[in-house]
Amino acid sequence: MDKKTGVVIVGILILMSAYLVSAGIGDWFKGITGRATTGEANATITLSGTNSVSVIIWNYTITGISAVEDTTARILFNISVTDADGAADINDSSVDINVTRASEATKVNDSCAYNGGQTATTRNYSCAFDMWYFEEAGTWTITAIANDNGNMTYIQNTSTFYYGSTQAMKISPGSLTWAGVSPGQKNQTSNNDPMLFNNTGNYMVSNLTVIGIDLIGADTSYSIGVNNLTVDIATSGACSGSACVECVVDAVSGVTMQNNTELRIVNANVTRGNHSVNDGSTGQEQLYFCMPLVPSNILSQAYTTPDEWTFTIRSYE
């Protein structure tokens, strides 16, 4: 190798060393393999609309809805929510309703569901709520609310429906008994009262009447007139003689029954309410029965009514 060739080789080595130091071995290999040394990325920004929504309760015409005895009545209807910025801007989770009447607890449904109905600017939602048998008859208000993802202002709309009255009740026990009574005894109370009345409707102003029927013996030559029995809302509990308040009829409570005659039981009310509370007064009434005097001129045998006594809810306003 001559001197000139050696100088050229040294020069090449110096240039290669400088490239490796400044760029790095990895970049150098990228350069010789053709791999890209730059990249690209996308950026997306979603802008929500600035218009607020509008709300329409559109098939709310609820007619003929009355309390269903001892259970609930389900009311179904739809809501349409419109947004000028497009249906996609509507906040599905914001759609809900409440149902109100001044004297009653507010009902809330925060689970109105999108039902698949949609246009470019409107989405439809299905809602439901239950009306209890004891809730007050009259006009109720439905308020529907919704918002969107942009303006986020809650908008509401209201409508009304009429909830009708239902008159109904259940009685227990179905039969009254007296055990071990003898002719001529006084103030003999029933051994299986009180008779419990549950108001299973939402009748507003109520009172109880009774139609009693004479009791006929197995030997039908003998009978016990129902006018020998009293019915009262009061009791002395386990009692005897004059201490039995259910045996005394006065202006405060009680009535002496008359055969096949409807009589009002003084102060016997079965007002509407949730009788499942079972406190003896909420949607309930209790009646107590007595024979102030067992007839002395009758035969010792079983006596029963040929027909049932009739208890009826009446309105006295």
Protein backbone atom coordinates (compact mmCIF):
# COMPACT_ATOMS: atom_id res chain seq x y z
CA MET A 1 0.00 0.00 0.00
CA ASP A 2 1.38 3.30 -0.99
CA LYS A 3 1.22 6.34 1.19
CA LYS A 4 -1.58 8.02 -0.79
CA THR A 5 -3.92 5.02 -0.47
CA GLY A 6 -3.40 4.86 3.30
CA VAL A 7 -4.39 8.48 3.67
CA VAL A 8 -7.68 7.87 1.82
CA ILE A 9 -8.60 4.87 4.03
CA VAL A 10 -7.91 6.80 7.22
CA GLY A 11 -10.10 9.64 5.98
CA ILE A 12 -13.04 7.29 5.33
CA LEU A 13 -12.73 5.78 8.80
CA ILE A 14 -12.76 9.22 10.41
CA LEU A 15 -15.97 10.19 8.54
CA MET A 16 -17.72 6.94 9.57
CA SER A 17 -16.76 7.42 13.21
CA ALA A 18 -18.20 10.93 13.22
CA TYR A 19 -21.53 9.72 11.76
CA LEU A 20 -21.83 6.92 14.30
CA VAL A 21 -21.15 9.27 17.21
CA SER A 22 -23.62 11.96 16.11
CA ALA A 23 -26.50 9.79 14.88
CA GLY A 24 -26.17 6.66 17.01
CA ILE A 25 -25.80 3.10 15.82
CA GLY A 26 -29.58 2.46 15.84
CA ASP A 27 -30.29 5.44 13.57
CA TRP A 28 -27.51 4.39 11.32
CA PHE A 29 -29.03 0.94 10.91
CA LYS A 30 -32.44 2.52 10.27
CA GLY A 31 -30.85 4.54 7.56
CA ILE A 32 -29.47 1.52 5.85
CA THR A 33 -32.68 -0.61 6.24
CA GLY A 34 -35.08 2.06 4.96
CA ARG A 35 -37.27 2.22 8.18
CA ALA A 36 -39.32 5.44 8.75
CA THR A 37 -37.96 7.86 11.30
CA THR A 38 -41.21 9.97 11.48
CA GLY A 39 -44.93 9.21 12.29
CA GLU A 40 -48.46 10.70 12.12
CA ALA A 41 -51.38 10.97 14.70
CA ASN A 42 -55.03 12.15 14.43
CA ALA A 43 -56.79 14.51 16.85
CA THR A 44 -60.64 14.62 17.26
CA ILE A 45 -62.67 17.25 19.12
CA THR A 46 -66.46 16.81 19.51
CA LEU A 47 -68.50 19.96 20.00
CA SER A 48 -71.98 19.60 21.57
CA GLY A 49 -74.79 21.89 20.54
CA THR A 50 -75.74 25.05 22.34
CA ASN A 51 -79.53 24.73 22.02
CA SER A 52 -81.56 23.34 24.93
CA VAL A 53 -84.01 20.47 24.41
CA SER A 54 -87.80 20.57 24.31
CA VAL A 55 -89.95 17.94 26.02
CA ILE A 56 -93.38 16.67 24.98
CA ILE A 57 -95.53 14.16 26.89
CA TRP A 58 -97.41 12.93 23.87
CA ASN A 59 -99.62 9.95 24.68
CA TYR A 60 -100.52 10.97 28.19
CA THR A 61 -104.30 10.93 27.62
CA ILE A 62 -105.05 8.55 30.46
CA THR A 63 -108.79 7.96 30.81
CA GLY A 64 -110.81 5.49 32.82
CA ILE A 65 -108.00 4.89 35.32
CA SER A 66 -109.33 4.09 38.79
CA ALA A 67 -107.88 2.39 41.83
CA VAL A 68 -107.56 -1.38 41.44
CA GLU A 69 -108.78 -3.13 44.58
CA ASP A 70 -105.98 -3.98 47.01
CA THR A 71 -103.16 -3.58 44.47
CA THR A 72 -101.66 -1.12 41.97
CA ALA A 73 -102.72 0.27 38.61
CA ARG A 74 -99.80 0.64 36.17
CA ILE A 75 -99.83 3.71 33.93
CA LEU A 76 -97.69 3.73 30.77
CA PHE A 77 -96.91 6.66 28.47
CA ASN A 78 -94.22 8.09 26.18
CA ILE A 79 -92.08 11.22 26.17
CA SER A 80 -90.55 12.86 23.08
CA VAL A 81 -87.37 14.92 23.56
CA THR A 82 -86.27 17.19 20.70
CA ASP A 83 -82.94 18.96 20.23
CA ALA A 84 -82.29 21.28 17.27
CA ASP A 85 -78.62 20.27 17.46
CA GLY A 86 -79.52 16.68 16.65
CA ALA A 87 -80.80 13.59 18.46
CA ALA A 88 -77.26 12.51 19.37
CA ASP A 89 -76.98 15.55 21.63
CA ILE A 90 -79.84 14.37 23.90
CA ASN A 91 -78.76 13.00 27.28
CA ASP A 92 -80.66 9.70 27.64
CA SER A 93 -79.89 9.37 31.35
CA SER A 94 -81.48 12.73 32.11
CA VAL A 95 -85.02 11.77 31.07
CA ASP A 96 -87.32 11.15 34.01
CA ILE A 97 -90.72 12.00 35.47
CA ASN A 98 -92.44 12.73 38.74
CA VAL A 99 -96.12 12.40 39.55
CA THR A 100 -97.67 14.66 42.17
CA ARG A 101 -100.82 15.65 44.00
CA ALA A 102 -100.71 18.19 46.81
CA SER A 103 -101.95 15.84 49.55
CA GLU A 104 -99.92 12.81 48.44
CA ALA A 105 -96.29 11.69 48.38
CA THR A 106 -94.42 12.44 45.13
CA LYS A 107 -93.78 9.52 42.80
CA VAL A 108 -90.43 9.56 40.97
CA ASN A 109 -89.35 7.50 37.96
CA ASP A 110 -85.74 8.09 36.97
CA SER A 111 -85.57 5.12 34.61
CA CYS A 112 -87.50 6.26 31.54
CA ALA A 113 -85.96 4.25 28.70
CA TYR A 114 -85.23 5.11 25.09
CA ASN A 115 -87.62 2.92 23.08
CA GLY A 116 -85.92 3.05 19.68
CA GLY A 117 -88.08 5.75 18.13
CA GLN A 118 -85.94 8.49 16.63
CA THR A 119 -85.77 11.17 13.95
CA ALA A 120 -82.85 13.44 13.11
CA THR A 121 -83.65 15.69 16.08
CA THR A 122 -86.01 13.68 18.36
CA ARG A 123 -85.80 10.60 20.55
CA ASN A 124 -88.77 8.83 22.17
CA TYR A 125 -88.77 7.35 25.68
CA SER A 126 -91.14 4.97 27.48
CA CYS A 127 -92.06 5.66 31.12
CA ALA A 128 -94.29 3.96 33.67
CA PHE A 129 -95.49 4.40 37.23
CA ASP A 130 -97.84 2.63 39.64
CA MET A 131 -100.85 4.08 41.44
CA TRP A 132 -101.72 2.39 44.74
CA TYR A 133 -105.31 1.44 45.57
CA PHE A 134 -105.35 3.80 48.58
CA GLU A 135 -104.05 6.92 46.82
CA GLU A 136 -106.42 9.83 46.59
CA ALA A 137 -108.87 10.14 43.74
CA GLY A 138 -108.68 13.36 41.74
CA THR A 139 -106.37 15.23 39.37
CA TRP A 140 -102.67 14.30 39.43
CA THR A 141 -99.82 16.08 37.62
CA ILE A 142 -97.10 14.41 35.53
CA THR A 143 -93.87 16.40 35.13
CA ALA A 144 -91.33 15.20 32.55
CA ILE A 145 -87.77 16.58 32.45
CA ALA A 146 -84.69 16.13 30.24
CA ASN A 147 -81.47 17.86 29.18
CA ASP A 148 -78.71 17.47 26.58
CA ASN A 149 -74.95 17.06 26.44
CA GLY A 150 -74.25 20.62 25.32
CA ASN A 151 -76.51 23.28 26.84
CA MET A 152 -77.23 20.97 29.80
CA THR A 153 -80.23 23.03 30.93
CA TYR A 154 -83.03 20.89 32.36
CA ILE A 155 -86.30 21.51 30.54
CA GLN A 156 -89.68 20.27 31.81
CA ASN A 157 -93.22 19.90 30.62
CA THR A 158 -96.35 18.97 32.58
CA SER A 159 -99.69 17.33 32.01
CA THR A 160 -102.48 15.96 34.18
CA PHE A 161 -104.68 12.88 34.48
CA TYR A 162 -107.68 11.96 36.63
CA TYR A 163 -107.45 9.03 39.04
CA GLY A 164 -110.88 7.62 39.78
CA SER A 165 -112.38 6.38 43.03
CA THR A 166 -113.00 2.71 43.84
CA GLN A 167 -115.27 1.55 46.65
CA ALA A 168 -114.23 -1.84 48.04
CA MET A 169 -113.56 -3.62 51.34
CA LYS A 170 -112.75 -7.03 52.78
CA ILE A 171 -114.11 -8.47 56.02
CA SER A 172 -112.66 -11.01 58.44
CA PRO A 173 -113.78 -13.28 60.03
CA GLY A 174 -116.65 -14.28 57.78
CA SER A 175 -118.73 -15.66 60.67
CA LEU A 176 -119.31 -14.49 64.25
CA THR A 177 -119.73 -16.93 67.12
CA TRP A 178 -120.91 -16.90 70.73
CA ALA A 179 -119.83 -19.78 72.92
CA GLY A 180 -121.53 -21.10 76.06
CA VAL A 181 -124.37 -18.57 76.37
CA SER A 182 -127.56 -19.49 78.18
CA PRO A 183 -131.11 -18.12 78.05
CA GLY A 184 -131.55 -15.08 80.26
CA GLN A 185 -127.84 -14.12 80.43
CA LYS A 186 -126.83 -10.47 80.02
CA ASN A 187 -124.03 -8.74 78.15
CA GLN A 188 -122.61 -11.71 76.27
CA THR A 189 -119.87 -10.70 73.85
CA SER A 190 -118.74 -12.54 70.73
CA ASN A 191 -115.79 -14.82 71.30
CA ASN A 192 -114.17 -14.23 67.89
CA ASP A 193 -114.54 -10.50 67.30
CA PRO A 194 -113.37 -7.94 66.40
CA MET A 195 -114.64 -8.15 62.89
CA LEU A 196 -111.91 -6.45 60.87
CA PHE A 197 -112.78 -4.28 57.87
CA ASN A 198 -110.00 -3.44 55.39
CA ASN A 199 -110.66 -0.61 52.94
CA THR A 200 -109.25 -2.05 49.73
CA GLY A 201 -110.12 0.99 47.60
CA ASN A 202 -109.66 4.75 47.81
CA TYR A 203 -113.19 5.86 48.63
CA MET A 204 -112.87 9.34 50.11
CA VAL A 205 -115.54 9.76 52.84
CA SER A 206 -116.85 6.56 54.34
CA ASN A 207 -119.06 5.12 57.04
CA LEU A 208 -120.38 1.67 57.71
CA THR A 209 -123.95 0.45 57.72
CA VAL A 210 -125.25 -2.97 58.69
CA ILE A 211 -128.31 -4.99 57.70
CA GLY A 212 -128.87 -7.68 60.33
CA ILE A 213 -131.00 -10.80 59.93
CA ASP A 214 -132.73 -12.73 62.72
CA LEU A 215 -131.03 -15.97 63.81
CA ILE A 216 -133.11 -19.11 63.29
CA GLY A 217 -132.77 -22.23 65.44
CA ALA A 218 -132.33 -25.82 64.27
CA ASP A 219 -135.87 -26.16 65.52
CA THR A 220 -137.23 -23.35 63.41
CA SER A 221 -140.04 -22.75 65.88
CA TYR A 222 -137.50 -20.72 67.85
CA SER A 223 -135.39 -17.77 66.82
CA ILE A 224 -133.24 -15.00 68.27
CA GLY A 225 -134.23 -11.60 66.97
CA VAL A 226 -131.25 -9.62 65.70
CA ASN A 227 -132.58 -6.70 67.76
CA ASN A 228 -131.02 -8.57 70.70
CA LEU A 229 -127.55 -7.76 69.33
CA THR A 230 -125.48 -4.59 69.33
CA VAL A 231 -122.47 -3.64 67.20
CA ASP A 232 -119.90 -1.04 68.29
CA ILE A 233 -116.45 0.32 67.45
CA ALA A 234 -115.48 0.25 71.15
CA THR A 235 -114.60 -2.65 73.42
CA SER A 236 -113.60 -3.28 77.01
CA GLY A 237 -111.62 -6.32 76.05
CA ALA A 238 -112.22 -9.26 78.35
CA CYS A 239 -115.25 -8.03 80.25
CA SER A 240 -118.48 -9.07 81.88
CA GLY A 241 -121.76 -7.43 82.84
CA SER A 242 -122.12 -3.69 82.61
CA ALA A 243 -118.36 -3.27 82.11
CA CYS A 244 -118.74 -4.39 78.49
CA VAL A 245 -118.93 -1.09 76.62
CA GLU A 246 -119.77 -2.80 73.33
CA CYS A 247 -123.07 -3.79 74.93
CA VAL A 248 -124.10 -0.17 75.50
CA VAL A 249 -125.43 1.92 72.64
CA ASP A 250 -125.18 5.70 72.97
CA ALA A 251 -124.68 8.82 70.89
CA VAL A 252 -120.94 8.25 70.75
CA SER A 253 -120.88 4.82 69.13
CA GLY A 254 -122.78 1.64 68.52
CA VAL A 255 -126.17 0.58 67.18
CA THR A 256 -128.83 -1.99 68.05
CA MET A 257 -129.58 -4.01 64.93
CA GLN A 258 -133.05 -4.43 63.47
CA ASN A 259 -134.16 -7.28 61.25
CA ASN A 260 -133.53 -6.69 57.55
CA THR A 261 -133.04 -2.95 58.12
CA GLU A 262 -130.01 -0.93 57.09
CA LEU A 263 -128.64 1.05 60.02
CA ARG A 264 -125.67 3.34 60.28
CA ILE A 265 -123.07 2.24 62.82
CA VAL A 266 -122.25 5.45 64.69
CA ASN A 267 -118.66 6.61 64.11
CA ALA A 268 -117.70 3.43 62.25
CA ASN A 269 -115.39 4.78 59.52
CA VAL A 270 -113.32 2.88 57.02
CA THR A 271 -111.31 5.72 55.54
CA ARG A 272 -108.82 5.15 52.73
CA GLY A 273 -105.26 4.22 53.64
CA ASN A 274 -102.60 1.55 53.44
CA HIS A 275 -104.30 -1.14 55.50
CA SER A 276 -101.14 -3.29 55.47
CA VAL A 277 -99.91 -1.05 58.29
CA ASN A 278 -102.42 -3.12 60.30
CA ASP A 279 -102.77 -0.68 63.19
CA GLY A 280 -106.55 -0.99 63.44
CA SER A 281 -107.23 2.47 62.02
CA THR A 282 -105.20 3.15 58.84
CA GLY A 283 -107.58 1.93 56.14
CA GLN A 284 -109.23 -0.24 58.78
CA GLU A 285 -112.11 -0.42 61.24
CA GLN A 286 -112.82 -2.96 63.99
CA LEU A 287 -116.33 -3.87 65.17
CA TYR A 288 -117.37 -5.61 68.39
CA PHE A 289 -120.61 -7.48 69.00
CA CYS A 290 -122.71 -8.16 72.08
CA MET A 291 -126.01 -9.70 73.20
CA PRO A 292 -127.15 -7.37 76.00
CA LEU A 293 -129.85 -9.90 76.91
CA VAL A 294 -130.14 -13.51 75.75
CA PRO A 295 -133.88 -14.24 75.34
CA SER A 296 -135.14 -16.48 78.14
CA ASN A 297 -138.08 -18.03 76.29
CA ILE A 298 -136.06 -19.92 73.69
CA LEU A 299 -134.82 -23.47 73.36
CA SER A 300 -131.18 -24.38 74.05
CA GLN A 301 -129.84 -25.15 70.56
CA ALA A 302 -127.72 -23.61 67.78
CA TYR A 303 -129.06 -20.48 66.09
CA THR A 304 -127.76 -19.09 62.84
CA THR A 305 -128.70 -16.59 60.16
CA PRO A 306 -130.45 -17.94 57.05
CA ASP A 307 -128.76 -15.16 55.08
CA GLU A 308 -125.56 -13.22 55.66
CA TRP A 309 -125.57 -9.87 57.39
CA THR A 310 -124.68 -7.11 54.99
CA PHE A 311 -122.11 -4.45 55.79
CA THR A 312 -121.90 -1.54 53.35
CA ILE A 313 -119.66 1.49 52.91
CA ARG A 314 -121.76 4.61 52.72
CA SER A 315 -120.87 8.27 52.29
CA TYR A 316 -122.16 10.80 54.81
CA GLU A 317 -120.85 14.25 53.97
